[in-house]
């Protein structure tokens, strides 16, 4: 964690960008874990809607990938993590020498 903060401090808005993008990535990974556990406990669960909602708007594009079940959940999670990375890129600001 200390290394992340040190790397983020090299940008004008790095610390707040790290907090926002890291929080979003944590939400996406938590939703993925919830979906996996719900699927293990009983098939036919509606838990997947939480992952779809957490990964909007990328989930709108990922719905066109012909996958079902766990691979689809994995694609949604990867889309959410890509969005977290884009949040980091967009919010971090300029590099401080």
Protein backbone atom coordinates (compact mmCIF):
# COMPACT_ATOMS: atom_id res chain seq x y z
CA UNK A 1 0.00 0.00 0.00
CA UNK A 2 2.87 2.32 0.80
CA UNK A 3 4.32 1.81 -2.68
CA UNK A 4 0.99 2.70 -4.27
CA UNK A 5 0.76 5.92 -2.28
CA UNK A 6 4.33 6.81 -3.18
CA UNK A 7 3.64 6.21 -6.88
CA UNK A 8 0.36 8.17 -6.70
CA UNK A 9 2.07 11.12 -5.01
CA UNK A 10 3.99 11.66 -8.24
CA UNK A 11 0.83 13.09 -9.86
CA UNK A 12 -1.02 16.30 -9.12
CA UNK A 13 -4.25 14.48 -8.14
CA UNK A 14 -2.69 11.07 -7.60
CA UNK A 15 -3.81 10.33 -4.04
CA UNK A 16 -7.48 11.13 -4.67
CA UNK A 17 -7.40 9.35 -8.05
CA UNK A 18 -5.95 6.29 -6.33
CA UNK A 19 -8.70 6.40 -3.70
CA UNK A 20 -11.47 6.67 -6.28
CA UNK A 21 -10.16 4.09 -8.76
CA UNK A 22 -9.08 1.71 -6.00
CA UNK A 23 -12.48 1.92 -4.33
CA UNK A 24 -14.20 1.20 -7.62
CA UNK A 25 -11.92 -1.79 -8.29
CA UNK A 26 -12.69 -3.09 -4.79
CA UNK A 27 -16.43 -2.80 -5.43
CA UNK A 28 -16.08 -4.71 -8.71
CA UNK A 29 -14.00 -7.47 -7.13
CA UNK A 30 -16.40 -7.69 -4.19
CA UNK A 31 -19.37 -8.03 -6.53
CA UNK A 32 -17.51 -10.74 -8.45
CA UNK A 33 -16.83 -12.62 -5.21
CA UNK A 34 -20.49 -12.30 -4.22
CA UNK A 35 -21.60 -13.71 -7.58
CA UNK A 36 -19.18 -16.64 -7.38
CA UNK A 37 -20.28 -17.54 -3.85
CA UNK A 38 -23.97 -17.18 -4.73
CA UNK A 39 -23.50 -19.49 -7.73
CA UNK A 40 -21.76 -22.08 -5.57
CA UNK A 41 -24.53 -22.02 -2.97
CA UNK A 42 -27.36 -22.41 -5.42
CA UNK A 43 -27.82 -22.14 -9.16
CA UNK A 44 -30.40 -19.78 -10.57
CA UNK A 45 -29.45 -16.87 -8.33
CA UNK A 46 -30.09 -13.28 -9.38
CA UNK A 47 -26.80 -12.19 -7.78
CA UNK A 48 -25.24 -11.49 -11.17
CA UNK A 49 -27.28 -8.30 -11.49
CA UNK A 50 -25.03 -6.70 -8.87
CA UNK A 51 -21.98 -7.31 -11.03
CA UNK A 52 -23.76 -5.98 -14.11
CA UNK A 53 -24.80 -2.83 -12.23
CA UNK A 54 -21.34 -2.31 -10.73
CA UNK A 55 -19.64 -2.52 -14.12
CA UNK A 56 -21.90 -0.17 -16.06
CA UNK A 57 -21.30 1.16 -18.76
CA UNK A 58 -18.83 -1.53 -19.87
CA UNK A 59 -21.41 -4.23 -19.14
CA UNK A 60 -23.54 -2.79 -21.94
CA UNK A 61 -20.77 -3.63 -24.42
CA UNK A 62 -19.83 -6.94 -22.82
CA UNK A 63 -23.38 -8.25 -23.18
CA UNK A 64 -22.64 -8.83 -26.88
CA UNK A 65 -19.90 -11.36 -26.07
CA UNK A 66 -21.38 -14.84 -26.58
CA UNK A 67 -20.59 -16.23 -23.12
CA UNK A 68 -22.66 -17.50 -20.20
CA UNK A 69 -22.07 -18.30 -16.55
CA UNK A 70 -18.63 -17.95 -15.04
CA UNK A 71 -16.85 -16.78 -18.22
CA UNK A 72 -19.42 -13.99 -18.56
CA UNK A 73 -18.82 -12.98 -14.93
CA UNK A 74 -15.10 -12.95 -15.62
CA UNK A 75 -15.57 -10.72 -18.69
CA UNK A 76 -17.71 -8.33 -16.64
CA UNK A 77 -15.05 -8.20 -13.93
CA UNK A 78 -12.29 -7.53 -16.45
CA UNK A 79 -14.41 -4.75 -17.96
CA UNK A 80 -14.88 -3.22 -14.51
CA UNK A 81 -11.17 -3.38 -13.78
CA UNK A 82 -10.46 -1.73 -17.13
CA UNK A 83 -12.84 1.05 -16.10
CA UNK A 84 -10.96 1.42 -12.80
CA UNK A 85 -7.73 1.79 -14.76
CA UNK A 86 -9.36 4.41 -17.01
CA UNK A 87 -10.54 6.27 -13.90
CA UNK A 88 -6.95 6.30 -12.66
CA UNK A 89 -5.67 7.59 -16.01
CA UNK A 90 -8.35 10.25 -16.27
CA UNK A 91 -8.21 11.54 -12.69
CA UNK A 92 -4.53 11.43 -11.78
CA UNK A 93 -3.58 14.73 -13.41
CA UNK A 94 -0.15 15.82 -14.56
CA UNK A 95 3.06 14.15 -13.48
CA UNK A 96 5.04 16.11 -10.95
CA UNK A 97 8.73 15.94 -11.88
